[in-house]
Amino acid sequence: ICDVTTLGKIDIQGRDAAEFLNRIYSNPFLKVPVGKVRYGLMLREDGIAYDDGTTARLSDTHFVMTTTTANAVSVFRNMEFARQCLWPDLDVHLISTTDGWAQFAVAGPKSRDLLQKVVDIDLSNEAFPFMACSDCKVFNIPGRLFRISFSGELAYEVAVPSRYGDRLIRALMQVGEEFDAV
């Protein structure tokens, strides 16, 4: 279990949110289905990578992006510049929610077993495949779950409103004792 709360988080909403992301990232985002996550790479004007992360599509008009911790402010600033100055006719609204969500990566061969005890959704491969995302309840707290992995292992990221972050990590560690969580 790893605390990834410091990752940048940006809420992106609006009729043209998918088109906006398609222009921001170097890889396509128009056809990402609802309930799926895509890894994205952002490039500077000279073609050099300046950030990467994942963006989850929660509805037709609502996405949630994570950025690297170090670039959270500059990514948001660049996106806001693009929204206001480059493409002002797009219906897109951005909110930095970095401080609003606590998030934890749960990775390893027993991660599904651990999380199945604390979330209210089916985590089978059929119901929640790799790169899936969903709103859920985590210990009866409204949250979000993402099946993504940067470790090469079976892994998830679970997010809850920040005020529940300390409670969540303590509860995950307690439930995780039977799975040798560290």
N, C-alpha and C. Protein backbone atom coordinates (compact mmCIF):
# COMPACT_ATOMS: atom_id res chain seq x y z
N ILE A 1 0.86 -1.17 0.00
CA ILE A 1 0.00 0.00 0.00
C ILE A 1 0.90 1.22 0.00
N CYS A 2 0.64 2.13 -0.93
CA CYS A 2 1.46 3.34 -1.08
C CYS A 2 0.56 4.56 -1.14
N ASP A 3 0.88 5.58 -0.35
CA ASP A 3 0.13 6.82 -0.37
C ASP A 3 0.51 7.61 -1.62
N VAL A 4 -0.43 7.81 -2.53
CA VAL A 4 -0.20 8.58 -3.75
C VAL A 4 -1.05 9.85 -3.76
N THR A 5 -1.41 10.30 -2.56
CA THR A 5 -2.25 11.49 -2.42
C THR A 5 -1.62 12.71 -3.06
N THR A 6 -0.30 12.79 -3.09
CA THR A 6 0.35 13.99 -3.62
C THR A 6 0.28 14.12 -5.13
N LEU A 7 -0.14 13.09 -5.84
CA LEU A 7 -0.32 13.23 -7.29
C LEU A 7 -1.29 14.37 -7.57
N GLY A 8 -1.03 15.11 -8.64
CA GLY A 8 -1.97 16.15 -9.04
C GLY A 8 -3.26 15.52 -9.51
N LYS A 9 -4.37 16.18 -9.23
CA LYS A 9 -5.68 15.69 -9.65
C LYS A 9 -6.46 16.87 -10.23
N ILE A 10 -6.98 16.68 -11.43
CA ILE A 10 -7.73 17.74 -12.12
C ILE A 10 -9.06 17.17 -12.58
N ASP A 11 -10.13 17.84 -12.20
CA ASP A 11 -11.47 17.46 -12.61
C ASP A 11 -11.77 18.23 -13.90
N ILE A 12 -12.17 17.50 -14.94
CA ILE A 12 -12.40 18.10 -16.26
C ILE A 12 -13.83 17.76 -16.67
N GLN A 13 -14.64 18.79 -16.87
CA GLN A 13 -16.04 18.57 -17.23
C GLN A 13 -16.46 19.48 -18.35
N GLY A 14 -17.48 19.05 -19.06
CA GLY A 14 -18.06 19.86 -20.12
C GLY A 14 -18.33 19.05 -21.37
N ARG A 15 -19.18 19.60 -22.22
CA ARG A 15 -19.58 18.93 -23.47
C ARG A 15 -18.37 18.59 -24.33
N ASP A 16 -17.32 19.44 -24.31
CA ASP A 16 -16.14 19.24 -25.15
C ASP A 16 -14.92 18.71 -24.38
N ALA A 17 -15.14 18.11 -23.23
CA ALA A 17 -14.02 17.63 -22.40
C ALA A 17 -13.16 16.62 -23.15
N ALA A 18 -13.77 15.68 -23.86
CA ALA A 18 -13.00 14.67 -24.59
C ALA A 18 -12.17 15.31 -25.70
N GLU A 19 -12.75 16.25 -26.42
CA GLU A 19 -12.01 16.96 -27.48
C GLU A 19 -10.84 17.75 -26.88
N PHE A 20 -11.08 18.39 -25.76
CA PHE A 20 -10.02 19.15 -25.08
C PHE A 20 -8.85 18.23 -24.71
N LEU A 21 -9.15 17.08 -24.10
CA LEU A 21 -8.10 16.13 -23.73
C LEU A 21 -7.38 15.59 -24.96
N ASN A 22 -8.12 15.41 -26.02
CA ASN A 22 -7.52 14.93 -27.27
C ASN A 22 -6.47 15.92 -27.79
N ARG A 23 -6.67 17.19 -27.50
CA ARG A 23 -5.72 18.21 -27.92
C ARG A 23 -4.58 18.39 -26.93
N ILE A 24 -4.84 18.13 -25.66
CA ILE A 24 -3.82 18.31 -24.61
C ILE A 24 -2.79 17.18 -24.62
N TYR A 25 -3.26 15.96 -24.78
CA TYR A 25 -2.37 14.79 -24.76
C TYR A 25 -1.84 14.50 -26.16
N SER A 26 -0.73 13.77 -26.22
CA SER A 26 -0.17 13.36 -27.51
C SER A 26 -0.84 12.10 -28.04
N ASN A 27 -1.59 11.42 -27.22
CA ASN A 27 -2.33 10.23 -27.65
C ASN A 27 -3.83 10.51 -27.59
N PRO A 28 -4.65 9.74 -28.35
CA PRO A 28 -6.07 10.06 -28.50
C PRO A 28 -6.92 9.80 -27.26
N PHE A 29 -7.91 10.67 -27.05
CA PHE A 29 -8.82 10.53 -25.92
C PHE A 29 -10.29 10.60 -26.31
N LEU A 30 -10.59 10.91 -27.57
CA LEU A 30 -11.99 11.08 -27.97
C LEU A 30 -12.84 9.83 -27.74
N LYS A 31 -12.27 8.67 -27.94
CA LYS A 31 -13.07 7.44 -27.90
C LYS A 31 -12.86 6.62 -26.64
N VAL A 32 -12.28 7.20 -25.60
CA VAL A 32 -12.14 6.47 -24.33
C VAL A 32 -13.56 6.23 -23.80
N PRO A 33 -13.93 4.98 -23.57
CA PRO A 33 -15.29 4.71 -23.08
C PRO A 33 -15.48 5.14 -21.63
N VAL A 34 -16.72 5.42 -21.26
CA VAL A 34 -17.06 5.68 -19.87
C VAL A 34 -16.67 4.44 -19.06
N GLY A 35 -16.06 4.66 -17.91
CA GLY A 35 -15.64 3.55 -17.05
C GLY A 35 -14.26 3.03 -17.35
N LYS A 36 -13.51 3.74 -18.20
CA LYS A 36 -12.15 3.31 -18.55
C LYS A 36 -11.15 4.43 -18.26
N VAL A 37 -9.91 4.01 -18.10
CA VAL A 37 -8.79 4.91 -17.84
C VAL A 37 -7.80 4.79 -18.99
N ARG A 38 -7.16 5.89 -19.34
CA ARG A 38 -6.12 5.84 -20.37
C ARG A 38 -4.89 6.57 -19.83
N TYR A 39 -3.73 5.99 -20.11
CA TYR A 39 -2.47 6.65 -19.82
C TYR A 39 -2.25 7.74 -20.86
N GLY A 40 -1.78 8.90 -20.44
CA GLY A 40 -1.56 10.00 -21.37
C GLY A 40 -0.19 10.62 -21.21
N LEU A 41 0.33 11.12 -22.31
CA LEU A 41 1.63 11.78 -22.34
C LEU A 41 1.44 13.20 -22.86
N MET A 42 1.93 14.19 -22.12
CA MET A 42 1.87 15.59 -22.54
C MET A 42 3.24 16.02 -23.02
N LEU A 43 3.25 16.74 -24.13
CA LEU A 43 4.50 17.22 -24.72
C LEU A 43 4.56 18.74 -24.68
N ARG A 44 5.79 19.25 -24.57
CA ARG A 44 6.01 20.68 -24.73
C ARG A 44 5.91 21.00 -26.23
N GLU A 45 5.98 22.27 -26.58
CA GLU A 45 5.90 22.67 -27.98
C GLU A 45 7.06 22.14 -28.80
N ASP A 46 8.22 21.87 -28.16
CA ASP A 46 9.37 21.33 -28.88
C ASP A 46 9.36 19.80 -28.96
N GLY A 47 8.28 19.16 -28.50
CA GLY A 47 8.15 17.73 -28.59
C GLY A 47 8.72 16.94 -27.42
N ILE A 48 9.30 17.61 -26.44
CA ILE A 48 9.84 16.94 -25.26
C ILE A 48 8.71 16.69 -24.26
N ALA A 49 8.70 15.49 -23.68
CA ALA A 49 7.68 15.14 -22.69
C ALA A 49 7.84 16.01 -21.45
N TYR A 50 6.72 16.53 -20.94
CA TYR A 50 6.80 17.28 -19.69
C TYR A 50 5.90 16.72 -18.60
N ASP A 51 4.98 15.83 -18.92
CA ASP A 51 4.21 15.18 -17.86
C ASP A 51 3.50 13.96 -18.43
N ASP A 52 3.18 13.05 -17.54
CA ASP A 52 2.37 11.89 -17.90
C ASP A 52 1.50 11.54 -16.72
N GLY A 53 0.48 10.78 -16.99
CA GLY A 53 -0.43 10.37 -15.94
C GLY A 53 -1.59 9.62 -16.55
N THR A 54 -2.61 9.43 -15.75
CA THR A 54 -3.79 8.72 -16.23
C THR A 54 -4.99 9.65 -16.17
N THR A 55 -5.94 9.40 -17.06
CA THR A 55 -7.20 10.14 -17.05
C THR A 55 -8.33 9.13 -17.16
N ALA A 56 -9.27 9.24 -16.23
CA ALA A 56 -10.40 8.33 -16.15
C ALA A 56 -11.66 9.03 -16.65
N ARG A 57 -12.45 8.31 -17.43
CA ARG A 57 -13.72 8.87 -17.93
C ARG A 57 -14.85 8.35 -17.05
N LEU A 58 -15.42 9.26 -16.25
CA LEU A 58 -16.49 8.88 -15.34
C LEU A 58 -17.88 8.99 -15.98
N SER A 59 -18.00 9.87 -17.00
CA SER A 59 -19.26 9.98 -17.76
C SER A 59 -18.90 10.57 -19.12
N ASP A 60 -19.89 10.77 -19.97
CA ASP A 60 -19.62 11.33 -21.30
C ASP A 60 -18.95 12.70 -21.20
N THR A 61 -19.24 13.44 -20.14
CA THR A 61 -18.76 14.81 -20.02
C THR A 61 -17.89 15.05 -18.79
N HIS A 62 -17.41 13.99 -18.15
CA HIS A 62 -16.65 14.14 -16.89
C HIS A 62 -15.44 13.20 -16.87
N PHE A 63 -14.27 13.81 -16.74
CA PHE A 63 -13.01 13.08 -16.64
C PHE A 63 -12.27 13.49 -15.36
N VAL A 64 -11.42 12.60 -14.86
CA VAL A 64 -10.55 12.90 -13.73
C VAL A 64 -9.13 12.55 -14.15
N MET A 65 -8.24 13.54 -14.10
CA MET A 65 -6.85 13.37 -14.52
C MET A 65 -5.93 13.34 -13.31
N THR A 66 -4.91 12.48 -13.36
CA THR A 66 -3.82 12.57 -12.39
C THR A 66 -2.57 13.00 -13.14
N THR A 67 -1.77 13.82 -12.46
CA THR A 67 -0.51 14.30 -13.00
C THR A 67 0.60 13.90 -12.05
N THR A 68 1.84 14.08 -12.46
CA THR A 68 2.93 13.86 -11.53
C THR A 68 2.83 14.91 -10.42
N THR A 69 3.35 14.57 -9.27
CA THR A 69 3.32 15.48 -8.13
C THR A 69 4.05 16.78 -8.45
N ALA A 70 5.25 16.66 -9.01
CA ALA A 70 6.09 17.84 -9.26
C ALA A 70 5.49 18.80 -10.27
N ASN A 71 4.69 18.30 -11.21
CA ASN A 71 4.15 19.14 -12.28
C ASN A 71 2.68 19.47 -12.14
N ALA A 72 2.08 19.17 -11.00
CA ALA A 72 0.64 19.37 -10.84
C ALA A 72 0.23 20.81 -11.13
N VAL A 73 0.96 21.77 -10.61
CA VAL A 73 0.60 23.18 -10.80
C VAL A 73 0.82 23.60 -12.25
N SER A 74 1.96 23.24 -12.83
CA SER A 74 2.24 23.68 -14.20
C SER A 74 1.30 23.01 -15.20
N VAL A 75 0.93 21.76 -15.00
CA VAL A 75 -0.03 21.11 -15.89
C VAL A 75 -1.37 21.83 -15.82
N PHE A 76 -1.84 22.10 -14.61
CA PHE A 76 -3.12 22.81 -14.47
C PHE A 76 -3.04 24.19 -15.13
N ARG A 77 -1.95 24.90 -14.88
CA ARG A 77 -1.77 26.24 -15.45
C ARG A 77 -1.76 26.18 -16.98
N ASN A 78 -1.05 25.22 -17.55
CA ASN A 78 -1.00 25.08 -19.01
C ASN A 78 -2.36 24.71 -19.59
N MET A 79 -3.07 23.84 -18.89
CA MET A 79 -4.40 23.46 -19.36
C MET A 79 -5.35 24.66 -19.30
N GLU A 80 -5.25 25.42 -18.25
CA GLU A 80 -6.12 26.60 -18.11
C GLU A 80 -5.78 27.63 -19.19
N PHE A 81 -4.50 27.80 -19.52
CA PHE A 81 -4.11 28.70 -20.61
C PHE A 81 -4.72 28.21 -21.93
N ALA A 82 -4.60 26.91 -22.19
CA ALA A 82 -5.15 26.35 -23.43
C ALA A 82 -6.67 26.54 -23.48
N ARG A 83 -7.32 26.32 -22.37
CA ARG A 83 -8.79 26.46 -22.31
C ARG A 83 -9.20 27.91 -22.58
N GLN A 84 -8.53 28.85 -21.95
CA GLN A 84 -8.94 30.25 -22.06
C GLN A 84 -8.44 30.93 -23.33
N CYS A 85 -7.20 30.61 -23.76
CA CYS A 85 -6.57 31.37 -24.83
C CYS A 85 -6.51 30.65 -26.18
N LEU A 86 -6.27 29.37 -26.17
CA LEU A 86 -6.13 28.64 -27.43
C LEU A 86 -7.48 28.14 -27.96
N TRP A 87 -8.32 27.64 -27.08
CA TRP A 87 -9.58 27.05 -27.49
C TRP A 87 -10.73 27.56 -26.63
N PRO A 88 -10.98 28.87 -26.63
CA PRO A 88 -12.01 29.43 -25.75
C PRO A 88 -13.43 29.01 -26.13
N ASP A 89 -13.62 28.50 -27.33
CA ASP A 89 -14.97 28.11 -27.75
C ASP A 89 -15.37 26.71 -27.27
N LEU A 90 -14.41 25.96 -26.72
CA LEU A 90 -14.74 24.63 -26.20
C LEU A 90 -15.47 24.76 -24.86
N ASP A 91 -16.47 23.94 -24.68
CA ASP A 91 -17.20 23.89 -23.41
C ASP A 91 -16.46 22.95 -22.47
N VAL A 92 -15.53 23.53 -21.69
CA VAL A 92 -14.70 22.75 -20.77
C VAL A 92 -14.51 23.55 -19.49
N HIS A 93 -14.57 22.87 -18.37
CA HIS A 93 -14.36 23.49 -17.06
C HIS A 93 -13.34 22.66 -16.30
N LEU A 94 -12.35 23.32 -15.71
CA LEU A 94 -11.27 22.65 -15.00
C LEU A 94 -11.27 23.06 -13.53
N ILE A 95 -11.06 22.10 -12.67
CA ILE A 95 -10.92 22.38 -11.24
C ILE A 95 -9.77 21.53 -10.72
N SER A 96 -8.80 22.15 -10.06
CA SER A 96 -7.76 21.38 -9.39
C SER A 96 -8.36 20.78 -8.14
N THR A 97 -8.34 19.46 -8.05
CA THR A 97 -8.89 18.76 -6.89
C THR A 97 -7.80 18.01 -6.13
N THR A 98 -6.55 18.40 -6.35
CA THR A 98 -5.42 17.72 -5.71
C THR A 98 -5.61 17.64 -4.20
N ASP A 99 -6.01 18.74 -3.59
CA ASP A 99 -6.17 18.74 -2.13
C ASP A 99 -7.47 18.10 -1.67
N GLY A 100 -8.36 17.81 -2.59
CA GLY A 100 -9.67 17.30 -2.23
C GLY A 100 -9.77 15.79 -2.10
N TRP A 101 -8.75 15.07 -2.58
CA TRP A 101 -8.82 13.61 -2.58
C TRP A 101 -7.56 12.99 -1.99
N ALA A 102 -7.75 12.04 -1.10
CA ALA A 102 -6.66 11.18 -0.63
C ALA A 102 -6.68 9.94 -1.52
N GLN A 103 -5.52 9.44 -1.88
CA GLN A 103 -5.47 8.32 -2.82
C GLN A 103 -4.36 7.36 -2.43
N PHE A 104 -4.64 6.06 -2.54
CA PHE A 104 -3.68 5.03 -2.16
C PHE A 104 -3.60 3.97 -3.24
N ALA A 105 -2.38 3.60 -3.59
CA ALA A 105 -2.15 2.49 -4.51
C ALA A 105 -2.08 1.21 -3.67
N VAL A 106 -2.80 0.21 -4.12
CA VAL A 106 -2.79 -1.10 -3.47
C VAL A 106 -2.35 -2.08 -4.55
N ALA A 107 -1.15 -2.63 -4.40
CA ALA A 107 -0.57 -3.46 -5.46
C ALA A 107 -0.06 -4.77 -4.89
N GLY A 108 -0.04 -5.77 -5.74
CA GLY A 108 0.49 -7.07 -5.36
C GLY A 108 -0.51 -8.17 -5.63
N PRO A 109 -0.08 -9.41 -5.52
CA PRO A 109 -0.95 -10.54 -5.88
C PRO A 109 -2.19 -10.68 -5.00
N LYS A 110 -2.19 -10.06 -3.83
CA LYS A 110 -3.35 -10.14 -2.93
C LYS A 110 -4.15 -8.84 -2.88
N SER A 111 -3.83 -7.89 -3.76
CA SER A 111 -4.51 -6.59 -3.72
C SER A 111 -6.01 -6.71 -3.97
N ARG A 112 -6.41 -7.56 -4.89
CA ARG A 112 -7.85 -7.74 -5.16
C ARG A 112 -8.55 -8.30 -3.93
N ASP A 113 -7.93 -9.30 -3.30
CA ASP A 113 -8.54 -9.91 -2.12
C ASP A 113 -8.72 -8.88 -1.00
N LEU A 114 -7.72 -8.05 -0.81
CA LEU A 114 -7.81 -7.02 0.22
C LEU A 114 -8.93 -6.03 -0.11
N LEU A 115 -8.90 -5.49 -1.32
CA LEU A 115 -9.88 -4.46 -1.68
C LEU A 115 -11.30 -5.00 -1.76
N GLN A 116 -11.46 -6.27 -2.13
CA GLN A 116 -12.82 -6.82 -2.22
C GLN A 116 -13.50 -6.79 -0.86
N LYS A 117 -12.72 -6.74 0.21
CA LYS A 117 -13.28 -6.66 1.56
C LYS A 117 -13.73 -5.25 1.93
N VAL A 118 -13.31 -4.24 1.16
CA VAL A 118 -13.57 -2.86 1.58
C VAL A 118 -14.37 -2.03 0.58
N VAL A 119 -14.53 -2.50 -0.66
CA VAL A 119 -15.32 -1.76 -1.65
C VAL A 119 -16.60 -2.52 -1.97
N ASP A 120 -17.57 -1.80 -2.51
CA ASP A 120 -18.89 -2.39 -2.75
C ASP A 120 -19.11 -2.79 -4.21
N ILE A 121 -18.03 -3.00 -4.97
CA ILE A 121 -18.18 -3.42 -6.37
C ILE A 121 -17.42 -4.72 -6.60
N ASP A 122 -17.83 -5.44 -7.62
CA ASP A 122 -17.20 -6.70 -8.01
C ASP A 122 -15.85 -6.39 -8.67
N LEU A 123 -14.79 -6.97 -8.15
CA LEU A 123 -13.45 -6.72 -8.67
C LEU A 123 -12.92 -7.86 -9.54
N SER A 124 -13.80 -8.76 -9.98
CA SER A 124 -13.34 -9.83 -10.87
C SER A 124 -12.82 -9.22 -12.17
N ASN A 125 -11.99 -9.98 -12.87
CA ASN A 125 -11.46 -9.50 -14.15
C ASN A 125 -12.57 -9.16 -15.13
N GLU A 126 -13.65 -9.92 -15.10
CA GLU A 126 -14.76 -9.69 -16.03
C GLU A 126 -15.50 -8.39 -15.69
N ALA A 127 -15.73 -8.16 -14.41
CA ALA A 127 -16.51 -7.00 -13.99
C ALA A 127 -15.67 -5.73 -13.91
N PHE A 128 -14.38 -5.86 -13.60
CA PHE A 128 -13.52 -4.70 -13.40
C PHE A 128 -12.15 -4.99 -14.00
N PRO A 129 -12.06 -4.94 -15.35
CA PRO A 129 -10.82 -5.30 -16.03
C PRO A 129 -9.74 -4.22 -15.87
N PHE A 130 -8.54 -4.55 -16.33
CA PHE A 130 -7.43 -3.61 -16.31
C PHE A 130 -7.85 -2.31 -16.99
N MET A 131 -7.49 -1.18 -16.39
CA MET A 131 -7.80 0.18 -16.86
C MET A 131 -9.28 0.54 -16.69
N ALA A 132 -9.96 -0.12 -15.76
CA ALA A 132 -11.34 0.24 -15.42
C ALA A 132 -11.33 1.30 -14.32
N CYS A 133 -12.44 2.04 -14.23
CA CYS A 133 -12.63 2.99 -13.14
C CYS A 133 -14.10 3.03 -12.78
N SER A 134 -14.37 3.39 -11.54
CA SER A 134 -15.76 3.45 -11.11
C SER A 134 -15.88 4.24 -9.81
N ASP A 135 -17.00 4.90 -9.66
CA ASP A 135 -17.37 5.39 -8.34
C ASP A 135 -17.72 4.17 -7.51
N CYS A 136 -17.50 4.25 -6.21
CA CYS A 136 -17.80 3.12 -5.34
C CYS A 136 -17.92 3.62 -3.91
N LYS A 137 -18.23 2.72 -3.04
CA LYS A 137 -18.18 2.99 -1.60
C LYS A 137 -16.96 2.24 -1.07
N VAL A 138 -16.18 2.92 -0.25
CA VAL A 138 -15.00 2.35 0.38
C VAL A 138 -15.24 2.45 1.89
N PHE A 139 -15.47 1.31 2.55
CA PHE A 139 -15.88 1.35 3.95
C PHE A 139 -17.09 2.28 4.13
N ASN A 140 -18.03 2.24 3.21
CA ASN A 140 -19.24 3.08 3.22
C ASN A 140 -18.97 4.57 3.02
N ILE A 141 -17.77 4.92 2.56
CA ILE A 141 -17.42 6.30 2.23
C ILE A 141 -17.48 6.42 0.71
N PRO A 142 -18.12 7.46 0.16
CA PRO A 142 -18.10 7.62 -1.30
C PRO A 142 -16.67 7.79 -1.80
N GLY A 143 -16.30 6.99 -2.80
CA GLY A 143 -14.94 7.05 -3.32
C GLY A 143 -14.89 6.67 -4.78
N ARG A 144 -13.67 6.48 -5.24
CA ARG A 144 -13.42 6.07 -6.62
C ARG A 144 -12.36 4.99 -6.61
N LEU A 145 -12.48 4.08 -7.58
CA LEU A 145 -11.50 3.01 -7.71
C LEU A 145 -11.01 2.96 -9.15
N PHE A 146 -9.71 2.81 -9.31
CA PHE A 146 -9.08 2.72 -10.62
C PHE A 146 -8.24 1.46 -10.64
N ARG A 147 -8.36 0.66 -11.69
CA ARG A 147 -7.51 -0.53 -11.81
C ARG A 147 -6.37 -0.18 -12.76
N ILE A 148 -5.33 0.35 -12.19
CA ILE A 148 -4.15 0.75 -12.95
C ILE A 148 -2.93 0.24 -12.22
N SER A 149 -1.84 0.08 -12.95
CA SER A 149 -0.64 -0.45 -12.33
C SER A 149 0.60 0.20 -12.90
N PHE A 150 1.43 0.71 -12.02
CA PHE A 150 2.74 1.20 -12.41
C PHE A 150 3.82 0.30 -11.82
N SER A 151 3.40 -0.83 -11.24
CA SER A 151 4.34 -1.74 -10.59
C SER A 151 4.53 -3.03 -11.38
N GLY A 152 3.67 -3.28 -12.36
CA GLY A 152 3.72 -4.54 -13.08
C GLY A 152 2.93 -5.63 -12.38
N GLU A 153 2.41 -5.34 -11.22
CA GLU A 153 1.61 -6.28 -10.43
C GLU A 153 0.13 -5.97 -10.63
N LEU A 154 -0.73 -6.88 -10.20
CA LEU A 154 -2.15 -6.56 -10.07
C LEU A 154 -2.22 -5.36 -9.13
N ALA A 155 -2.90 -4.29 -9.52
CA ALA A 155 -2.89 -3.08 -8.70
C ALA A 155 -4.13 -2.23 -8.93
N TYR A 156 -4.39 -1.41 -7.95
CA TYR A 156 -5.53 -0.50 -7.95
C TYR A 156 -5.09 0.81 -7.30
N GLU A 157 -5.85 1.87 -7.57
CA GLU A 157 -5.74 3.09 -6.79
C GLU A 157 -7.12 3.41 -6.28
N VAL A 158 -7.21 3.65 -5.00
CA VAL A 158 -8.48 3.93 -4.35
C VAL A 158 -8.42 5.35 -3.81
N ALA A 159 -9.48 6.14 -4.07
CA ALA A 159 -9.51 7.54 -3.67
C ALA A 159 -10.77 7.83 -2.87
N VAL A 160 -10.59 8.65 -1.84
CA VAL A 160 -11.70 9.10 -1.01
C VAL A 160 -11.50 10.59 -0.74
N PRO A 161 -12.56 11.31 -0.37
CA PRO A 161 -12.35 12.71 0.01
C PRO A 161 -11.26 12.81 1.09
N SER A 162 -10.46 13.86 0.99
CA SER A 162 -9.27 14.01 1.84
C SER A 162 -9.55 13.84 3.32
N ARG A 163 -10.69 14.30 3.77
CA ARG A 163 -10.97 14.23 5.21
C ARG A 163 -11.00 12.79 5.73
N TYR A 164 -11.13 11.82 4.81
CA TYR A 164 -11.15 10.41 5.21
C TYR A 164 -9.82 9.71 4.96
N GLY A 165 -8.81 10.42 4.49
CA GLY A 165 -7.55 9.80 4.12
C GLY A 165 -6.87 9.05 5.25
N ASP A 166 -6.73 9.69 6.40
CA ASP A 166 -6.07 9.03 7.53
C ASP A 166 -6.86 7.80 7.96
N ARG A 167 -8.17 7.94 8.01
CA ARG A 167 -9.03 6.81 8.39
C ARG A 167 -8.88 5.65 7.40
N LEU A 168 -8.79 5.99 6.10
CA LEU A 168 -8.68 4.95 5.08
C LEU A 168 -7.36 4.19 5.18
N ILE A 169 -6.24 4.89 5.28
CA ILE A 169 -4.97 4.17 5.33
C ILE A 169 -4.90 3.27 6.56
N ARG A 170 -5.39 3.74 7.69
CA ARG A 170 -5.39 2.92 8.90
C ARG A 170 -6.28 1.68 8.72
N ALA A 171 -7.45 1.87 8.10
CA ALA A 171 -8.36 0.75 7.88
C ALA A 171 -7.78 -0.24 6.85
N LEU A 172 -7.16 0.28 5.78
CA LEU A 172 -6.54 -0.61 4.80
C LEU A 172 -5.44 -1.45 5.44
N MET A 173 -4.64 -0.84 6.29
CA MET A 173 -3.56 -1.59 6.94
C MET A 173 -4.13 -2.62 7.90
N GLN A 174 -5.21 -2.28 8.59
CA GLN A 174 -5.82 -3.24 9.51
C GLN A 174 -6.40 -4.42 8.75
N VAL A 175 -7.20 -4.15 7.73
CA VAL A 175 -7.77 -5.23 6.92
C VAL A 175 -6.66 -6.00 6.21
N GLY A 176 -5.60 -5.30 5.82
CA GLY A 176 -4.51 -5.91 5.10
C GLY A 176 -3.60 -6.80 5.92
N GLU A 177 -3.76 -6.81 7.25
CA GLU A 177 -2.91 -7.66 8.08
C GLU A 177 -2.97 -9.12 7.66
N GLU A 178 -4.18 -9.59 7.33
CA GLU A 178 -4.31 -11.00 6.94
C GLU A 178 -3.64 -11.30 5.59
N PHE A 179 -3.32 -10.25 4.83
CA PHE A 179 -2.66 -10.41 3.52
C PHE A 179 -1.20 -9.98 3.57
N ASP A 180 -0.68 -9.73 4.77
CA ASP A 180 0.70 -9.28 4.96
C ASP A 180 0.97 -7.95 4.27
N ALA A 181 0.00 -7.05 4.31
CA ALA A 181 0.17 -5.73 3.68
C ALA A 181 1.22 -4.92 4.44
N VAL A 182 1.98 -4.18 3.66
CA VAL A 182 2.99 -3.28 4.24
C VAL A 182 2.89 -1.95 3.54
